[in-house]
Amino acid sequence: MRSVGIKELKNRLSEYIRLVSQGETVLVTDRDKVVAEIHPLTPGRSTSVLDAVLAEAVKSGWITPPAIRQPPPRLPVATAAEILGDLSASRDDR
């Protein structure tokens, strides 16, 4: 775990982000007081920004996730022989 002042973090942000991406936690300080913590993503967390925005919108109640339902079972409308027979009959009418 490392600690870094805001000014140094701003000047060397890429380096500290690289450390975090390698698994290290960085404490951000302001006048020797910890004000933030940067840590690697937790397992199961999406790496997509859009997913994070949607998750935050659901958490705040702005949107509601869709209900998860199974689609109805697909039943055959007709057998292949019936379809081909109807097609042949419609062609004979012409």
Protein backbone atom coordinates (compact mmCIF):
# COMPACT_ATOMS: atom_id res chain seq x y z
CA MET A 1 0.00 0.00 0.00
CA ARG A 2 1.32 3.41 -0.96
CA SER A 3 0.29 6.91 -0.01
CA VAL A 4 0.64 9.91 -2.27
CA GLY A 5 -0.21 13.58 -2.03
CA ILE A 6 -2.74 15.09 -4.41
CA LYS A 7 -0.15 17.18 -6.26
CA GLU A 8 2.19 14.24 -6.87
CA LEU A 9 -0.75 12.04 -7.89
CA LYS A 10 -1.82 14.65 -10.43
CA ASN A 11 1.69 14.93 -11.84
CA ARG A 12 2.28 11.16 -12.05
CA LEU A 13 -1.26 9.80 -12.44
CA SER A 14 -0.42 7.24 -15.13
CA GLU A 15 2.27 5.67 -12.95
CA TYR A 16 -0.08 5.31 -9.98
CA ILE A 17 -2.90 3.92 -12.13
CA ARG A 18 -0.45 1.36 -13.49
CA LEU A 19 0.41 0.34 -9.89
CA VAL A 20 -3.27 -0.03 -9.05
CA SER A 21 -3.89 -2.12 -12.15
CA GLN A 22 -1.11 -4.44 -10.92
CA GLY A 23 -2.96 -4.98 -7.62
CA GLU A 24 -1.57 -2.29 -5.32
CA THR A 25 -3.75 0.07 -3.26
CA VAL A 26 -2.91 3.78 -3.22
CA LEU A 27 -4.00 6.14 -0.46
CA VAL A 28 -4.45 9.75 -1.56
CA THR A 29 -3.56 12.34 1.06
CA ASP A 30 -4.19 16.04 1.49
CA ARG A 31 -1.95 17.67 4.12
CA ASP A 32 -1.13 14.22 5.57
CA LYS A 33 -4.80 13.30 5.92
CA VAL A 34 -6.13 10.38 3.86
CA VAL A 35 -8.96 11.65 1.65
CA ALA A 36 -9.34 8.85 -0.90
CA GLU A 37 -8.33 5.30 -1.67
CA ILE A 38 -7.65 3.91 -5.14
CA HIS A 39 -7.77 0.13 -5.33
CA PRO A 40 -8.04 -2.56 -8.03
CA LEU A 41 -11.46 -3.64 -9.25
CA THR A 42 -13.21 -6.15 -7.07
CA PRO A 43 -13.90 -9.58 -8.59
CA GLY A 44 -17.15 -9.66 -10.51
CA ARG A 45 -17.11 -5.92 -11.20
CA SER A 46 -17.66 -5.04 -14.83
CA THR A 47 -14.84 -3.25 -16.61
CA SER A 48 -17.30 -1.41 -18.84
CA VAL A 49 -18.05 2.21 -18.00
CA LEU A 50 -21.56 1.84 -19.39
CA ASP A 51 -22.27 -1.07 -17.03
CA ALA A 52 -21.10 1.04 -14.08
CA VAL A 53 -23.33 3.94 -15.12
CA LEU A 54 -26.34 1.63 -15.48
CA ALA A 55 -25.62 -0.02 -12.12
CA GLU A 56 -25.47 3.39 -10.46
CA ALA A 57 -28.76 4.43 -12.12
CA VAL A 58 -30.46 1.27 -10.82
CA LYS A 59 -28.95 1.79 -7.35
CA SER A 60 -30.25 5.37 -7.18
CA GLY A 61 -33.71 4.28 -8.38
CA TRP A 62 -33.58 6.31 -11.57
CA ILE A 63 -34.25 3.20 -13.68
CA THR A 64 -35.64 -0.25 -12.94
CA PRO A 65 -34.00 -3.37 -14.33
CA PRO A 66 -36.16 -5.56 -16.56
CA ALA A 67 -37.92 -8.54 -15.03
CA ILE A 68 -36.17 -11.76 -15.95
CA ARG A 69 -38.69 -14.11 -17.53
CA GLN A 70 -38.33 -17.15 -19.67
CA PRO A 71 -39.66 -16.77 -23.21
CA PRO A 72 -42.68 -18.92 -24.00
CA PRO A 73 -41.90 -22.30 -25.53
CA ARG A 74 -41.77 -22.33 -29.30
CA LEU A 75 -44.38 -24.61 -30.75
CA PRO A 76 -44.35 -25.67 -34.40
CA VAL A 77 -47.07 -23.98 -36.44
CA ALA A 78 -47.15 -26.65 -39.11
CA THR A 79 -45.04 -29.53 -40.32
CA ALA A 80 -42.72 -29.07 -43.26
CA ALA A 81 -44.95 -31.32 -45.40
CA GLU A 82 -47.99 -29.12 -44.68
CA ILE A 83 -46.08 -25.95 -45.53
CA LEU A 84 -44.77 -27.41 -48.79
CA GLY A 85 -48.28 -28.64 -49.67
CA ASP A 86 -49.77 -25.18 -49.08
CA LEU A 87 -46.98 -23.60 -51.14
CA SER A 88 -47.57 -26.03 -54.00
CA ALA A 89 -51.33 -25.42 -53.87
CA SER A 90 -50.89 -21.65 -53.98
CA ARG A 91 -48.60 -21.98 -56.99
CA ASP A 92 -51.16 -24.17 -58.78
CA ASP A 93 -53.79 -21.44 -58.33
CA ARG A 94 -51.80 -19.01 -60.49
